[in-house]
Amino acid sequence: MSMSLPNLRYLTDERRRPQEVVLPLNVWKDITEELEVLREKQKILLGLQQACREVEMQKKGKLPEETLEDFLDEL
């Protein structure tokens, strides 16, 4: 997601160091929606990564192989 962030305002402390950011509500909504999409993608990728590890362990005999019926029962 590529977005420009116009109209940002920074709230600063007494030394003028940025402490908070104020942005338009529509920008905040776009950011949170994109974050949710990325969280879902991460969840899927982590699941695939774990599945690949399990397959490797099955190939090495460290985990019992799972039948298609067992797999479908888990769903």
N, C-alpha and C. Protein backbone atom coordinates (compact mmCIF):
# COMPACT_ATOMS: atom_id res chain seq x y z
N MET A 1 0.85 -1.17 0.00
CA MET A 1 0.00 0.00 0.00
C MET A 1 0.90 1.23 0.00
N SER A 2 0.69 2.06 -0.95
CA SER A 2 1.47 3.28 -1.04
C SER A 2 0.51 4.45 -0.90
N MET A 3 0.71 5.20 0.15
CA MET A 3 -0.17 6.34 0.35
C MET A 3 0.65 7.53 0.80
N SER A 4 0.26 8.68 0.31
CA SER A 4 0.89 9.88 0.84
C SER A 4 0.14 10.24 2.11
N LEU A 5 0.80 10.88 2.99
CA LEU A 5 0.19 11.22 4.27
C LEU A 5 0.15 12.74 4.45
N PRO A 6 -0.76 13.37 3.74
CA PRO A 6 -0.88 14.82 3.89
C PRO A 6 -1.58 15.15 5.19
N ASN A 7 -1.45 16.37 5.60
CA ASN A 7 -2.16 16.87 6.77
C ASN A 7 -1.81 16.17 8.07
N LEU A 8 -0.62 15.64 8.16
CA LEU A 8 -0.18 15.08 9.43
C LEU A 8 0.24 16.22 10.35
N ARG A 9 -0.07 16.03 11.60
CA ARG A 9 0.38 17.01 12.59
C ARG A 9 1.09 16.24 13.69
N TYR A 10 2.10 16.85 14.24
CA TYR A 10 2.86 16.24 15.31
C TYR A 10 2.66 17.05 16.58
N LEU A 11 2.38 16.35 17.66
CA LEU A 11 2.32 16.99 18.96
C LEU A 11 3.69 16.79 19.60
N THR A 12 4.24 17.85 20.11
CA THR A 12 5.60 17.80 20.63
C THR A 12 5.63 18.11 22.13
N ASP A 13 6.73 17.71 22.74
CA ASP A 13 6.92 18.05 24.14
C ASP A 13 7.54 19.44 24.24
N GLU A 14 7.92 19.84 25.44
CA GLU A 14 8.45 21.19 25.64
C GLU A 14 9.76 21.42 24.90
N ARG A 15 10.46 20.36 24.55
CA ARG A 15 11.71 20.49 23.78
C ARG A 15 11.47 20.34 22.28
N ARG A 16 10.22 20.32 21.90
CA ARG A 16 9.79 20.22 20.51
C ARG A 16 10.13 18.87 19.88
N ARG A 17 10.26 17.85 20.72
CA ARG A 17 10.45 16.49 20.21
C ARG A 17 9.08 15.88 19.93
N PRO A 18 8.90 15.27 18.78
CA PRO A 18 7.60 14.67 18.46
C PRO A 18 7.22 13.60 19.49
N GLN A 19 5.98 13.66 19.95
CA GLN A 19 5.47 12.69 20.91
C GLN A 19 4.27 11.92 20.37
N GLU A 20 3.47 12.58 19.54
CA GLU A 20 2.26 11.96 19.00
C GLU A 20 2.04 12.47 17.58
N VAL A 21 1.26 11.69 16.82
CA VAL A 21 0.91 12.08 15.46
C VAL A 21 -0.61 12.18 15.38
N VAL A 22 -1.08 13.23 14.75
CA VAL A 22 -2.50 13.41 14.52
C VAL A 22 -2.71 13.33 13.01
N LEU A 23 -3.63 12.46 12.60
CA LEU A 23 -3.88 12.33 11.17
C LEU A 23 -5.38 12.24 10.92
N PRO A 24 -5.79 12.52 9.70
CA PRO A 24 -7.21 12.47 9.37
C PRO A 24 -7.79 11.07 9.59
N LEU A 25 -9.05 11.02 9.96
CA LEU A 25 -9.70 9.75 10.27
C LEU A 25 -9.69 8.80 9.07
N ASN A 26 -9.90 9.32 7.86
CA ASN A 26 -9.91 8.43 6.69
C ASN A 26 -8.54 7.78 6.48
N VAL A 27 -7.47 8.48 6.80
CA VAL A 27 -6.13 7.90 6.69
C VAL A 27 -5.97 6.80 7.74
N TRP A 28 -6.42 7.06 8.96
CA TRP A 28 -6.35 6.07 10.02
C TRP A 28 -7.13 4.80 9.63
N LYS A 29 -8.31 4.97 9.06
CA LYS A 29 -9.10 3.81 8.63
C LYS A 29 -8.37 3.01 7.56
N ASP A 30 -7.77 3.70 6.60
CA ASP A 30 -7.00 3.01 5.56
C ASP A 30 -5.85 2.21 6.17
N ILE A 31 -5.16 2.81 7.10
CA ILE A 31 -4.02 2.15 7.75
C ILE A 31 -4.47 0.91 8.51
N THR A 32 -5.55 1.03 9.28
CA THR A 32 -6.01 -0.12 10.07
C THR A 32 -6.56 -1.23 9.18
N GLU A 33 -7.20 -0.88 8.08
CA GLU A 33 -7.68 -1.91 7.15
C GLU A 33 -6.51 -2.66 6.53
N GLU A 34 -5.49 -1.94 6.12
CA GLU A 34 -4.31 -2.57 5.54
C GLU A 34 -3.60 -3.44 6.58
N LEU A 35 -3.55 -2.99 7.80
CA LEU A 35 -2.93 -3.77 8.87
C LEU A 35 -3.67 -5.10 9.06
N GLU A 36 -4.99 -5.08 9.01
CA GLU A 36 -5.77 -6.31 9.16
C GLU A 36 -5.48 -7.27 8.01
N VAL A 37 -5.38 -6.75 6.79
CA VAL A 37 -5.04 -7.59 5.63
C VAL A 37 -3.67 -8.23 5.84
N LEU A 38 -2.72 -7.45 6.29
CA LEU A 38 -1.37 -7.97 6.52
C LEU A 38 -1.34 -9.01 7.64
N ARG A 39 -2.13 -8.81 8.67
CA ARG A 39 -2.21 -9.81 9.75
C ARG A 39 -2.76 -11.13 9.24
N GLU A 40 -3.77 -11.07 8.38
CA GLU A 40 -4.33 -12.29 7.81
C GLU A 40 -3.31 -13.00 6.93
N LYS A 41 -2.57 -12.25 6.13
CA LYS A 41 -1.54 -12.84 5.28
C LYS A 41 -0.47 -13.50 6.14
N GLN A 42 -0.08 -12.82 7.22
CA GLN A 42 0.94 -13.37 8.11
C GLN A 42 0.45 -14.68 8.73
N LYS A 43 -0.80 -14.72 9.14
CA LYS A 43 -1.37 -15.92 9.74
C LYS A 43 -1.30 -17.09 8.77
N ILE A 44 -1.66 -16.84 7.51
CA ILE A 44 -1.61 -17.88 6.49
C ILE A 44 -0.18 -18.34 6.26
N LEU A 45 0.74 -17.40 6.13
CA LEU A 45 2.14 -17.76 5.87
C LEU A 45 2.76 -18.53 7.03
N LEU A 46 2.43 -18.14 8.25
CA LEU A 46 2.95 -18.87 9.41
C LEU A 46 2.40 -20.29 9.44
N GLY A 47 1.14 -20.46 9.05
CA GLY A 47 0.56 -21.80 8.97
C GLY A 47 1.24 -22.66 7.93
N LEU A 48 1.54 -22.07 6.79
CA LEU A 48 2.25 -22.81 5.73
C LEU A 48 3.66 -23.17 6.18
N GLN A 49 4.31 -22.25 6.87
CA GLN A 49 5.66 -22.50 7.37
C GLN A 49 5.65 -23.68 8.35
N GLN A 50 4.68 -23.69 9.25
CA GLN A 50 4.57 -24.79 10.21
C GLN A 50 4.28 -26.11 9.49
N ALA A 51 3.41 -26.06 8.49
CA ALA A 51 3.10 -27.27 7.73
C ALA A 51 4.35 -27.82 7.04
N CYS A 52 5.17 -26.95 6.50
CA CYS A 52 6.41 -27.39 5.84
C CYS A 52 7.35 -28.05 6.85
N ARG A 53 7.43 -27.47 8.04
CA ARG A 53 8.27 -28.08 9.09
C ARG A 53 7.76 -29.49 9.43
N GLU A 54 6.44 -29.61 9.55
CA GLU A 54 5.87 -30.90 9.89
C GLU A 54 6.12 -31.93 8.80
N VAL A 55 6.04 -31.52 7.55
CA VAL A 55 6.33 -32.45 6.45
C VAL A 55 7.77 -32.92 6.52
N GLU A 56 8.69 -32.01 6.79
CA GLU A 56 10.11 -32.39 6.91
C GLU A 56 10.30 -33.37 8.06
N MET A 57 9.63 -33.13 9.17
CA MET A 57 9.75 -34.04 10.32
C MET A 57 9.15 -35.40 9.99
N GLN A 58 8.06 -35.41 9.21
CA GLN A 58 7.47 -36.68 8.79
C GLN A 58 8.43 -37.44 7.88
N LYS A 59 9.08 -36.72 6.97
CA LYS A 59 10.04 -37.37 6.06
C LYS A 59 11.19 -37.99 6.83
N LYS A 60 11.58 -37.36 7.94
CA LYS A 60 12.68 -37.87 8.77
C LYS A 60 12.22 -38.91 9.77
N GLY A 61 10.92 -39.18 9.78
CA GLY A 61 10.40 -40.18 10.70
C GLY A 61 10.20 -39.68 12.12
N LYS A 62 10.29 -38.38 12.32
CA LYS A 62 10.15 -37.82 13.67
C LYS A 62 8.69 -37.53 14.02
N LEU A 63 7.83 -37.54 13.03
CA LEU A 63 6.39 -37.38 13.23
C LEU A 63 5.69 -38.44 12.40
N PRO A 64 4.61 -39.01 12.93
CA PRO A 64 3.88 -39.98 12.11
C PRO A 64 3.21 -39.28 10.93
N GLU A 65 3.16 -40.00 9.83
CA GLU A 65 2.50 -39.44 8.66
C GLU A 65 1.00 -39.41 8.90
N GLU A 66 0.36 -38.42 8.32
CA GLU A 66 -1.07 -38.24 8.50
C GLU A 66 -1.79 -38.67 7.23
N THR A 67 -2.87 -39.39 7.40
CA THR A 67 -3.66 -39.80 6.24
C THR A 67 -4.55 -38.63 5.81
N LEU A 68 -5.06 -38.72 4.59
CA LEU A 68 -5.98 -37.70 4.11
C LEU A 68 -7.23 -37.65 5.00
N GLU A 69 -7.68 -38.81 5.42
CA GLU A 69 -8.85 -38.87 6.30
C GLU A 69 -8.59 -38.14 7.62
N ASP A 70 -7.40 -38.35 8.21
CA ASP A 70 -7.04 -37.65 9.45
C ASP A 70 -7.02 -36.14 9.22
N PHE A 71 -6.45 -35.75 8.10
CA PHE A 71 -6.36 -34.32 7.77
C PHE A 71 -7.75 -33.71 7.65
N LEU A 72 -8.62 -34.38 6.92
CA LEU A 72 -9.97 -33.86 6.72
C LEU A 72 -10.76 -33.84 8.02
N ASP A 73 -10.50 -34.77 8.91
CA ASP A 73 -11.18 -34.79 10.21
C ASP A 73 -10.81 -33.56 11.06
N GLU A 74 -9.60 -33.05 10.86
CA GLU A 74 -9.15 -31.87 11.60
C GLU A 74 -9.87 -30.60 11.14
N LEU A 75 -10.35 -30.60 9.91
CA LEU A 75 -11.04 -29.43 9.40
C LEU A 75 -12.39 -29.37 10.03
